């Protein structure tokens, strides 16, 4: 009885292994066709197209004064045509906001937004007077944590697509 059971298990193992091997071969063939078909696509034209969807990049920041300027400059140099950066100062107790305000020539603006999501009180919305930084919007608000900062950024963003990134992350542009 044990001998037959062992052979049945062995045969089932071979069947399963064979089916995985066949699936792997079909997958490799399909992948090769896909890569061959898409090898002539110019992704640069897609990324730089004015028809590309607008994306809002929301970056909450709390006490990030050491790296905030370099990080925002990196975000501003992204290789994409249609994006905005929303930096949310979450009530920092260091000089994060002051550094950003000075480096990017920020001015407080009257900015209409709707509190669609609950968040702490927004003290002000700032934009740069310098056209080089026109994609940057900075929110100064009372401390409420990361989720609260993301809610504030979503309330301000102009697009239906948004990405959250930590303000201390540096992206290779």
Protein backbone atom coordinates (compact mmCIF):
# COMPACT_ATOMS: atom_id res chain seq x y z
CA UNK A 1 0.00 0.00 0.00
CA UNK A 2 2.80 2.45 0.90
CA UNK A 3 4.57 1.59 -2.35
CA UNK A 4 1.51 2.55 -4.46
CA UNK A 5 0.97 5.74 -2.43
CA UNK A 6 4.59 6.76 -3.02
CA UNK A 7 4.23 6.23 -6.80
CA UNK A 8 0.98 8.24 -6.89
CA UNK A 9 2.64 11.15 -5.07
CA UNK A 10 5.62 10.93 -7.44
CA UNK A 11 3.36 10.99 -10.53
CA UNK A 12 1.35 13.94 -9.16
CA UNK A 13 4.60 15.79 -8.49
CA UNK A 14 5.73 15.16 -12.08
CA UNK A 15 2.38 16.40 -13.43
CA UNK A 16 2.56 19.58 -11.35
CA UNK A 17 6.19 20.17 -12.30
CA UNK A 18 5.36 19.56 -15.98
CA UNK A 19 2.45 22.01 -15.90
CA UNK A 20 4.69 24.67 -14.30
CA UNK A 21 7.31 24.02 -16.98
CA UNK A 22 4.71 24.44 -19.75
CA UNK A 23 3.39 27.65 -18.12
CA UNK A 24 6.95 28.96 -17.90
CA UNK A 25 7.56 28.26 -21.59
CA UNK A 26 4.30 29.97 -22.62
CA UNK A 27 5.13 32.94 -20.38
CA UNK A 28 8.60 33.28 -21.92
CA UNK A 29 7.10 33.23 -25.43
CA UNK A 30 4.46 35.84 -24.50
CA UNK A 31 7.08 38.04 -22.82
CA UNK A 32 9.33 37.85 -25.86
CA UNK A 33 6.42 38.90 -28.14
CA UNK A 34 5.55 41.77 -25.79
CA UNK A 35 9.12 43.05 -25.65
CA UNK A 36 9.51 42.79 -29.41
CA UNK A 37 6.24 44.66 -29.98
CA UNK A 38 7.14 47.47 -27.54
CA UNK A 39 10.80 47.85 -28.42
CA UNK A 40 10.03 50.76 -30.76
CA UNK A 41 7.88 52.79 -28.38
CA UNK A 42 9.35 56.20 -27.63
CA UNK A 43 8.56 56.59 -23.94
CA UNK A 44 10.12 60.08 -23.88
CA UNK A 45 7.34 61.37 -26.12
CA UNK A 46 4.75 59.87 -23.77
CA UNK A 47 6.35 61.36 -20.66
CA UNK A 48 6.79 64.80 -22.21
CA UNK A 49 3.39 64.95 -23.90
CA UNK A 50 1.06 67.74 -22.78
CA UNK A 51 -1.69 65.12 -22.89
CA UNK A 52 -0.10 63.06 -20.13
CA UNK A 53 -2.24 62.97 -16.98
CA UNK A 54 -1.58 65.54 -14.29
CA UNK A 55 -0.08 64.07 -11.12
CA UNK A 56 0.14 65.74 -7.72
CA UNK A 57 3.13 64.75 -5.60
CA UNK A 58 2.34 65.27 -1.93
CA UNK A 59 5.32 65.41 0.43
CA UNK A 60 4.60 65.81 4.17
CA UNK A 61 7.52 67.33 6.10
CA UNK A 62 8.09 67.55 9.84
CA UNK A 63 11.45 68.85 11.12
CA UNK A 64 13.29 68.11 7.87
CA UNK A 65 15.42 71.27 7.78
CA UNK A 66 18.69 69.45 7.04
CA UNK A 67 17.59 67.92 3.74
CA UNK A 68 14.41 69.71 2.68
CA UNK A 69 15.93 72.10 0.12
CA UNK A 70 17.82 69.38 -1.78
CA UNK A 71 14.79 67.10 -1.71
CA UNK A 72 12.42 69.73 -3.09
CA UNK A 73 14.93 70.66 -5.82
CA UNK A 74 15.11 66.98 -6.78
CA UNK A 75 11.32 66.76 -6.96
CA UNK A 76 11.19 69.90 -9.11
CA UNK A 77 13.63 68.33 -11.59
CA UNK A 78 11.54 65.21 -12.27
CA UNK A 79 11.42 64.03 -15.87
CA UNK A 80 7.68 64.39 -16.39
CA UNK A 81 5.70 67.13 -18.05
CA UNK A 82 2.49 67.49 -16.10
CA UNK A 83 2.93 67.48 -12.32
CA UNK A 84 2.65 69.65 -9.26
CA UNK A 85 4.48 69.32 -5.96
CA UNK A 86 2.62 69.95 -2.74
CA UNK A 87 4.95 70.22 0.24
CA UNK A 88 3.05 70.09 3.53
CA UNK A 89 4.88 71.57 6.51
CA UNK A 90 3.26 69.70 9.39
CA UNK A 91 3.88 72.24 12.14
CA UNK A 92 7.66 71.78 12.20
CA UNK A 93 9.38 73.04 15.35
CA UNK A 94 12.70 73.66 13.59
CA UNK A 95 13.40 76.04 10.69
CA UNK A 96 12.07 73.79 7.91
CA UNK A 97 9.43 76.24 6.71
CA UNK A 98 11.72 79.26 6.95
CA UNK A 99 14.37 77.53 4.81
CA UNK A 100 11.82 76.56 2.16
CA UNK A 101 10.27 80.02 2.22
CA UNK A 102 13.63 81.69 1.65
CA UNK A 103 15.07 79.22 -0.89
CA UNK A 104 12.00 79.15 -3.13
CA UNK A 105 10.90 82.79 -2.69
CA UNK A 106 7.49 81.84 -1.32
CA UNK A 107 4.63 84.28 -0.96
CA UNK A 108 1.36 83.65 0.82
CA UNK A 109 -1.52 83.42 -1.64
CA UNK A 110 -5.28 83.37 -1.38
CA UNK A 111 -6.04 79.83 -2.40
CA UNK A 112 -9.54 78.41 -2.45
CA UNK A 113 -9.85 74.83 -1.34
CA UNK A 114 -12.52 72.66 0.13
CA UNK A 115 -11.99 70.60 3.29
CA UNK A 116 -13.06 67.36 1.59
CA UNK A 117 -10.97 65.39 4.06
CA UNK A 118 -10.56 66.34 7.72
CA UNK A 119 -7.23 67.90 8.68
CA UNK A 120 -5.71 70.33 11.16
CA UNK A 121 -6.04 74.06 10.55
CA UNK A 122 -4.13 75.25 7.50
CA UNK A 123 -2.28 78.46 8.40
CA UNK A 124 -1.45 79.36 4.83
CA UNK A 125 -0.83 78.28 1.27
CA UNK A 126 2.32 79.57 -0.40
CA UNK A 127 3.47 79.79 -4.01
CA UNK A 128 6.75 81.05 -5.42
CA UNK A 129 7.08 84.37 -7.20
CA UNK A 130 9.88 82.81 -9.24
CA UNK A 131 8.57 81.11 -12.43
CA UNK A 132 11.22 78.39 -12.07
CA UNK A 133 9.31 77.07 -9.07
CA UNK A 134 5.74 77.48 -10.38
CA UNK A 135 5.01 73.76 -9.86
CA UNK A 136 5.61 74.07 -6.11
CA UNK A 137 2.82 74.69 -3.62
CA UNK A 138 3.65 74.77 0.10
CA UNK A 139 1.08 74.30 2.84
CA UNK A 140 1.85 75.47 6.37
CA UNK A 141 -0.42 73.84 8.93
CA UNK A 142 -0.66 72.83 12.55
CA UNK A 143 0.87 69.49 13.50
CA UNK A 144 -1.43 66.54 13.02
CA UNK A 145 0.76 63.69 11.80
CA UNK A 146 1.51 62.20 8.41
CA UNK A 147 -2.03 61.08 7.57
CA UNK A 148 -3.37 64.51 8.48
CA UNK A 149 -0.74 66.15 6.25
CA UNK A 150 -1.71 63.88 3.37
CA UNK A 151 -5.35 64.86 3.87
CA UNK A 152 -4.36 68.54 3.68
CA UNK A 153 -2.38 67.88 0.50
CA UNK A 154 -5.29 66.02 -1.08
CA UNK A 155 -7.59 68.92 -0.18
CA UNK A 156 -5.27 71.31 -2.05
CA UNK A 157 -4.26 69.17 -5.06
CA UNK A 158 -5.66 69.99 -8.48
CA UNK A 159 -5.46 66.55 -10.05
CA UNK A 160 -7.33 63.32 -9.54
CA UNK A 161 -4.04 61.38 -9.44
CA UNK A 162 -1.70 61.88 -6.51
CA UNK A 163 1.41 60.26 -5.11
CA UNK A 164 2.64 60.42 -1.54
CA UNK A 165 6.35 60.61 -0.87
CA UNK A 166 8.25 61.35 2.31
CA UNK A 167 9.99 64.71 2.21
CA UNK A 168 13.26 63.09 3.30
CA UNK A 169 13.29 60.76 0.27
CA UNK A 170 15.60 61.69 -2.57
CA UNK A 171 14.49 60.56 -6.02
CA UNK A 172 16.96 60.05 -8.83
CA UNK A 173 15.75 62.32 -11.60
